[in-house]
Amino acid sequence: MSAAMPVDDPGFVKRIQVGEPQALETVIKTYLGQILRAAGGAGLSPQEAEEVTQATFTTFVEKADRFEGRSRVRTWLFGILYRKIAEARRQLSRSRQMDQIGDVEERFNDKGGWMRPPQALDMQLYGKEIRRLIEDCLEAVPTRQRMAFYLREVEDLPTQEICNILEVTRTNLGVLLFRVRNRLRECLEAKGVRRQQ
């Protein structure tokens, strides 16, 4: 294999489809770290994240012949990961009931930004306490909302790719992001984190 051949190249995709071990290994090496981080970002413990990551790549190898190449390899892997996380959360009885949105629409402008943003966290974001608070707040968020937030804010994936991974429309993605951001804000405010005046 040419070292420069990208994993989404049609020739490389054919190698994935026939289950060529070197091609499968290349995909795993390319995306292992990203998939493991995403599993952890979805609120799984380190052990659960490793198990879900392993299950994701096992499914990838088992179903490689079904990959049609219509999406990027990364999109396909994240789609598998999303389903594995949902399965894990169901098995661990972590289903959360969604909060009612009520009249929170006035908290965001027409472009989805905060009207009154929470305390500026950019200087403190990597501090242990703030990270712990955010992780605690995200723990109660349903899987689909949490994955939407993680893929957008941490992995910085394009909207269409996130929609493909989560199997939602752009409108549904907007609703998921609206809900998770609102829940995160309310939770952080309840924990005493306030926006700077």
Protein backbone atom coordinates (compact mmCIF):
# COMPACT_ATOMS: atom_id res chain seq x y z
CA MET A 1 0.00 0.00 0.00
CA SER A 2 1.18 3.49 -0.77
CA ALA A 3 1.79 5.30 2.51
CA ALA A 4 0.13 8.40 1.06
CA MET A 5 -3.16 6.68 0.13
CA PRO A 6 -5.91 8.17 2.30
CA VAL A 7 -8.35 5.82 3.99
CA ASP A 8 -11.26 7.33 2.03
CA ASP A 9 -9.62 6.76 -1.36
CA PRO A 10 -11.86 4.49 -3.53
CA GLY A 11 -8.99 2.05 -4.03
CA PHE A 12 -8.41 1.83 -0.29
CA VAL A 13 -12.16 1.45 0.34
CA LYS A 14 -12.15 -1.63 -1.89
CA ARG A 15 -9.35 -3.08 0.23
CA ILE A 16 -11.48 -2.48 3.32
CA GLN A 17 -14.45 -4.19 1.66
CA VAL A 18 -12.47 -7.36 0.91
CA GLY A 19 -11.17 -7.40 4.48
CA GLU A 20 -7.51 -6.94 3.65
CA PRO A 21 -5.77 -7.16 7.05
CA GLN A 22 -3.31 -4.35 6.35
CA ALA A 23 -6.12 -1.99 5.28
CA LEU A 24 -8.21 -2.84 8.35
CA GLU A 25 -5.17 -2.34 10.59
CA THR A 26 -4.49 1.05 8.97
CA VAL A 27 -8.06 2.20 9.70
CA ILE A 28 -7.83 1.01 13.29
CA LYS A 29 -4.49 2.75 13.86
CA THR A 30 -5.77 5.92 12.20
CA TYR A 31 -8.95 6.24 14.26
CA LEU A 32 -8.33 4.33 17.51
CA GLY A 33 -7.43 7.40 19.57
CA GLN A 34 -10.30 9.46 18.24
CA ILE A 35 -12.88 6.73 18.84
CA LEU A 36 -11.57 6.06 22.36
CA ARG A 37 -11.70 9.79 23.21
CA ALA A 38 -15.24 10.02 21.84
CA ALA A 39 -16.34 7.04 23.95
CA GLY A 40 -14.90 8.74 27.03
CA GLY A 41 -16.48 12.02 25.97
CA ALA A 42 -19.83 10.26 25.88
CA GLY A 43 -19.57 9.74 29.63
CA LEU A 44 -18.31 6.20 29.81
CA SER A 45 -15.76 5.19 32.41
CA PRO A 46 -12.27 4.45 31.05
CA GLN A 47 -12.98 0.71 31.17
CA GLU A 48 -16.39 1.10 29.51
CA ALA A 49 -14.86 3.39 26.88
CA GLU A 50 -12.25 0.74 26.07
CA GLU A 51 -14.92 -1.96 25.84
CA VAL A 52 -17.11 0.15 23.56
CA THR A 53 -14.10 1.07 21.42
CA GLN A 54 -13.19 -2.59 21.08
CA ALA A 55 -16.80 -3.45 20.18
CA THR A 56 -16.80 -0.64 17.60
CA PHE A 57 -13.71 -1.94 15.84
CA THR A 58 -14.90 -5.55 16.12
CA THR A 59 -18.09 -4.57 14.32
CA PHE A 60 -16.05 -2.60 11.80
CA VAL A 61 -13.94 -5.67 10.97
CA GLU A 62 -16.95 -8.02 10.91
CA LYS A 63 -18.96 -5.74 8.61
CA ALA A 64 -16.17 -4.32 6.46
CA ASP A 65 -17.61 -6.04 3.40
CA ARG A 66 -20.82 -4.02 3.83
CA PHE A 67 -19.07 -0.64 3.77
CA GLU A 68 -20.19 0.97 0.53
CA GLY A 69 -17.89 3.97 0.63
CA ARG A 70 -20.78 6.46 0.34
CA SER A 71 -19.66 8.12 3.57
CA ARG A 72 -16.21 8.68 4.97
CA VAL A 73 -14.65 5.83 6.94
CA ARG A 74 -14.59 8.07 10.02
CA THR A 75 -18.32 8.78 9.67
CA TRP A 76 -19.06 5.07 9.43
CA LEU A 77 -16.92 4.32 12.50
CA PHE A 78 -18.58 7.08 14.55
CA GLY A 79 -21.97 5.71 13.50
CA ILE A 80 -20.98 2.29 14.82
CA LEU A 81 -19.59 3.91 17.99
CA TYR A 82 -22.79 5.85 18.56
CA ARG A 83 -24.86 2.65 18.40
CA LYS A 84 -22.42 0.81 20.71
CA ILE A 85 -22.58 3.64 23.26
CA ALA A 86 -26.37 3.57 23.15
CA GLU A 87 -26.30 -0.20 23.71
CA ALA A 88 -23.85 0.16 26.61
CA ARG A 89 -25.93 2.83 28.28
CA ARG A 90 -29.07 0.71 27.96
CA GLN A 91 -27.28 -2.31 29.41
CA LEU A 92 -25.98 -0.22 32.30
CA SER A 93 -29.44 1.23 32.95
CA ARG A 94 -28.25 4.77 32.47
CA SER A 95 -31.32 5.96 30.66
CA ARG A 96 -32.08 9.50 31.62
CA GLN A 97 -35.41 11.21 31.24
CA MET A 98 -35.22 14.31 29.15
CA ASP A 99 -36.03 17.56 30.88
CA GLN A 100 -38.82 19.63 29.49
CA ILE A 101 -37.56 22.61 27.57
CA GLY A 102 -40.37 24.87 28.73
CA ASP A 103 -39.79 28.52 28.02
CA VAL A 104 -36.01 28.53 27.64
CA GLU A 105 -36.04 29.70 24.01
CA GLU A 106 -35.38 33.27 25.13
CA ARG A 107 -31.94 32.19 26.39
CA PHE A 108 -30.59 31.90 22.83
CA ASN A 109 -30.45 34.30 19.91
CA ASP A 110 -31.63 33.46 16.38
CA LYS A 111 -28.24 31.96 15.53
CA GLY A 112 -28.21 29.59 18.52
CA GLY A 113 -25.78 31.65 20.60
CA TRP A 114 -26.32 32.54 24.22
CA MET A 115 -28.26 35.72 25.01
CA ARG A 116 -26.67 35.59 28.49
CA PRO A 117 -23.66 33.32 28.22
CA PRO A 118 -22.51 31.43 31.29
CA GLN A 119 -19.31 32.53 32.98
CA ALA A 120 -16.44 32.72 30.52
CA LEU A 121 -14.68 29.40 30.97
CA ASP A 122 -11.96 29.72 28.35
CA MET A 123 -9.33 30.64 30.98
CA GLN A 124 -10.49 27.91 33.36
CA LEU A 125 -11.66 25.22 30.96
CA TYR A 126 -8.71 22.94 31.52
CA GLY A 127 -8.76 23.43 35.28
CA LYS A 128 -9.67 20.28 37.18
CA GLU A 129 -12.65 21.77 38.99
CA ILE A 130 -14.35 23.17 35.90
CA ARG A 131 -13.76 19.99 33.93
CA ARG A 132 -15.24 17.98 36.77
CA LEU A 133 -18.30 20.23 36.90
CA ILE A 134 -18.83 19.97 33.16
CA GLU A 135 -18.41 16.19 33.25
CA ASP A 136 -20.86 15.97 36.17
CA CYS A 137 -23.38 18.08 34.29
CA LEU A 138 -23.00 16.08 31.08
CA GLU A 139 -23.44 12.82 32.99
CA ALA A 140 -27.20 13.39 33.21
CA VAL A 141 -27.55 14.29 29.52
CA PRO A 142 -29.08 11.65 27.21
CA THR A 143 -26.59 9.83 24.95
CA ARG A 144 -27.69 11.40 21.67
CA GLN A 145 -27.45 14.94 23.06
CA ARG A 146 -24.09 14.23 24.67
CA MET A 147 -22.69 12.76 21.43
CA ALA A 148 -23.97 15.74 19.43
CA PHE A 149 -22.25 18.09 21.88
CA TYR A 150 -19.02 16.08 21.90
CA LEU A 151 -18.82 15.74 18.12
CA ARG A 152 -19.52 19.45 17.62
CA GLU A 153 -17.56 21.04 20.47
CA VAL A 154 -14.67 18.62 21.02
CA GLU A 155 -14.13 16.87 17.69
CA ASP A 156 -15.31 19.93 15.69
CA LEU A 157 -16.90 17.73 13.02
CA PRO A 158 -18.94 19.33 10.22
CA THR A 159 -22.70 19.49 10.68
CA GLN A 160 -23.50 17.04 7.90
CA GLU A 161 -21.06 14.47 9.23
CA ILE A 162 -22.58 14.70 12.71
CA CYS A 163 -26.04 14.30 11.16
CA ASN A 164 -24.85 11.19 9.34
CA ILE A 165 -23.29 9.72 12.48
CA LEU A 166 -26.35 10.31 14.66
CA GLU A 167 -28.80 9.63 11.81
CA VAL A 168 -30.65 12.91 12.36
CA THR A 169 -31.62 15.86 10.19
CA ARG A 170 -29.94 19.25 10.51
CA THR A 171 -33.04 20.51 12.32
CA ASN A 172 -32.91 17.60 14.78
CA LEU A 173 -29.20 18.25 15.37
CA GLY A 174 -30.00 21.90 16.12
CA VAL A 175 -32.59 20.78 18.68
CA LEU A 176 -30.16 18.32 20.27
CA LEU A 177 -27.46 20.99 20.57
CA PHE A 178 -29.98 23.52 21.90
CA ARG A 179 -31.11 21.11 24.59
CA VAL A 180 -27.66 19.98 25.68
CA ARG A 181 -26.31 23.54 25.82
CA ASN A 182 -29.30 24.66 27.85
CA ARG A 183 -28.99 21.72 30.23
CA LEU A 184 -25.28 22.35 30.61
CA ARG A 185 -25.86 26.03 31.36
CA GLU A 186 -28.59 25.35 33.91
CA CYS A 187 -26.51 22.69 35.63
CA LEU A 188 -23.39 24.87 35.78
CA GLU A 189 -25.41 27.78 37.16
CA ALA A 190 -26.92 25.47 39.79
CA LYS A 191 -23.39 24.49 40.78
CA GLY A 192 -22.47 28.15 41.26
CA VAL A 193 -20.73 28.89 37.96
CA ARG A 194 -21.97 32.28 36.77
CA ARG A 195 -21.12 34.36 33.75
CA GLN A 196 -18.88 37.33 34.31
CA GLN A 197 -20.62 40.70 34.25
